Amino acid sequence: MAELSDKAVEYYTLEEIQKHNRSKSTWLILHHKVYDVTKFLEENTGGEEVLREQARGDATENFEDVGHSSDAREQSKTCIIGQLHPDDRSKITKPSETLITTVDSNSSWGTNWVIPAISVLAMALMYHFYMGED
């Protein structure tokens, strides 16, 4: 019986899935299932860009981090078109953490230390002048 259900499943390679990263055809992977989310690009509350960015790999972690509602999870089931081929499951890479600022990042040095320090100094000066006027 299990063999019948396996034969009915459509498998897609990672290479095939990655070709579908256009506004006319956008696929992504969630829990090794392949979703065609093209019709939801404009309706997604997070915006079209979010779905398009995830179309290059496994979106499972980001999908779970957002905390989608049960309605959204039910609706997503209508987009399943198949599964990631078992041979490619070990090849999927985690999404890059482009939105996370790290202390080691040169471009974030100012936001990690300088800007907060200047803000504290400005607030201290404003407090000093305000309290000095009384």
Protein backbone atom coordinates (compact mmCIF):
# COMPACT_ATOMS: atom_id res chain seq x y z
CA MET A 1 0.00 0.00 0.00
CA ALA A 2 2.83 2.41 0.80
CA GLU A 3 4.28 1.81 -2.67
CA LEU A 4 1.10 3.13 -4.31
CA SER A 5 1.20 6.39 -2.40
CA ASP A 6 4.92 6.85 -3.20
CA LYS A 7 4.25 6.42 -6.92
CA ALA A 8 1.50 9.05 -6.82
CA VAL A 9 3.88 11.67 -5.41
CA GLU A 10 5.50 14.04 -7.89
CA TYR A 11 9.18 14.58 -7.05
CA TYR A 12 11.14 17.66 -8.08
CA THR A 13 14.87 18.15 -7.98
CA LEU A 14 16.39 21.16 -6.31
CA GLU A 15 17.60 22.33 -9.71
CA GLU A 16 14.05 22.22 -11.10
CA ILE A 17 12.66 24.12 -8.11
CA GLN A 18 15.30 26.84 -8.31
CA LYS A 19 14.27 27.61 -11.88
CA HIS A 20 10.88 28.75 -10.58
CA ASN A 21 11.90 32.05 -9.01
CA ARG A 22 10.04 34.45 -11.24
CA SER A 23 6.86 36.43 -10.78
CA LYS A 24 5.10 34.12 -13.26
CA SER A 25 6.23 30.95 -11.48
CA THR A 26 7.41 30.92 -7.87
CA TRP A 27 8.06 27.67 -6.03
CA LEU A 28 9.44 27.10 -2.56
CA ILE A 29 10.16 24.23 -0.19
CA LEU A 30 8.55 23.72 3.22
CA HIS A 31 9.23 20.53 5.17
CA HIS A 32 10.48 18.85 1.95
CA LYS A 33 7.19 19.60 0.18
CA VAL A 34 7.21 21.76 -2.97
CA TYR A 35 4.73 24.64 -3.08
CA ASP A 36 3.71 26.72 -6.09
CA VAL A 37 2.96 30.08 -4.44
CA THR A 38 2.69 32.09 -7.66
CA LYS A 39 -1.00 32.94 -7.18
CA PHE A 40 -0.32 34.20 -3.63
CA LEU A 41 2.50 36.61 -4.47
CA GLU A 42 0.28 39.70 -4.36
CA GLU A 43 -1.93 38.42 -1.52
CA ASN A 44 0.87 37.52 0.91
CA THR A 45 0.68 39.83 3.92
CA GLY A 46 4.48 39.78 4.15
CA GLY A 47 4.78 41.01 0.58
CA GLU A 48 5.81 39.48 -2.72
CA GLU A 49 9.51 40.02 -1.99
CA VAL A 50 9.41 37.70 1.02
CA LEU A 51 8.12 34.79 -1.03
CA ARG A 52 10.48 35.51 -3.92
CA GLU A 53 13.50 35.56 -1.60
CA GLN A 54 12.51 32.18 -0.17
CA ALA A 55 12.07 30.62 -3.62
CA ARG A 56 15.78 29.88 -3.85
CA GLY A 57 15.83 27.19 -1.19
CA ASP A 58 14.24 25.73 1.87
CA ALA A 59 11.85 28.23 3.46
CA THR A 60 10.84 25.97 6.36
CA GLU A 61 12.72 27.79 9.12
CA ASN A 62 11.55 31.24 8.05
CA PHE A 63 7.98 30.03 7.59
CA GLU A 64 7.92 28.59 11.10
CA ASP A 65 9.60 31.67 12.62
CA VAL A 66 6.81 33.93 11.34
CA GLY A 67 4.15 31.99 13.23
CA HIS A 68 1.52 31.56 10.54
CA SER A 69 -2.10 31.11 11.58
CA SER A 70 -3.90 27.80 11.27
CA ASP A 71 -5.92 29.31 8.39
CA ALA A 72 -2.71 30.21 6.56
CA ARG A 73 -1.38 26.70 7.12
CA GLU A 74 -4.59 25.18 5.76
CA GLN A 75 -4.54 27.50 2.77
CA SER A 76 -0.90 26.63 2.06
CA LYS A 77 -1.88 22.97 1.57
CA THR A 78 -3.68 23.96 -1.63
CA CYS A 79 -0.32 25.04 -3.09
CA ILE A 80 1.48 21.70 -2.67
CA ILE A 81 2.53 20.34 -6.05
CA GLY A 82 4.96 17.62 -4.95
CA GLN A 83 7.98 16.83 -2.82
CA LEU A 84 11.67 17.54 -2.95
CA HIS A 85 13.43 14.53 -4.42
CA PRO A 86 14.94 12.41 -1.61
CA ASP A 87 18.41 12.62 -3.21
CA ASP A 88 18.34 16.43 -2.93
CA ARG A 89 17.16 16.70 0.66
CA SER A 90 20.71 16.76 2.01
CA LYS A 91 21.65 19.49 -0.51
CA ILE A 92 19.27 22.17 0.67
CA THR A 93 20.96 25.05 2.38
CA LYS A 94 19.55 27.08 5.18
CA PRO A 95 18.50 30.57 4.14
CA SER A 96 21.14 33.23 4.57
CA GLU A 97 20.66 35.39 7.62
CA THR A 98 20.82 38.69 5.78
CA LEU A 99 18.46 40.43 8.17
CA ILE A 100 20.44 39.62 11.30
CA THR A 101 23.14 42.10 12.27
CA THR A 102 26.20 40.59 13.87
CA VAL A 103 28.88 42.18 16.03
CA ASP A 104 31.54 40.94 13.59
CA SER A 105 29.96 42.74 10.65
CA ASN A 106 31.89 45.86 9.61
CA SER A 107 28.80 47.53 8.18
CA SER A 108 26.93 47.18 11.46
CA TRP A 109 29.67 48.59 13.70
CA GLY A 110 27.90 51.93 14.01
CA THR A 111 24.54 50.45 14.87
CA ASN A 112 26.06 48.06 17.39
CA TRP A 113 28.02 50.57 19.42
CA VAL A 114 28.37 54.15 18.19
CA ILE A 115 24.75 55.12 17.60
CA PRO A 116 23.49 53.81 20.97
CA ALA A 117 26.39 55.53 22.74
CA ILE A 118 25.63 58.86 21.08
CA SER A 119 21.95 58.47 21.93
CA VAL A 120 22.76 57.88 25.60
CA LEU A 121 25.08 60.88 25.65
CA ALA A 122 22.42 63.12 24.05
CA MET A 123 19.81 61.96 26.56
CA ALA A 124 22.23 62.62 29.45
CA LEU A 125 22.90 66.14 28.20
CA MET A 126 19.20 66.86 27.75
CA TYR A 127 18.52 65.60 31.30
CA HIS A 128 21.35 67.74 32.68
CA PHE A 129 20.06 70.91 30.98
CA TYR A 130 16.45 70.19 31.95
CA MET A 131 17.28 69.56 35.59
CA GLY A 132 19.70 72.55 35.68
CA GLU A 133 16.95 75.04 34.75
CA ASP A 134 14.97 74.47 37.97
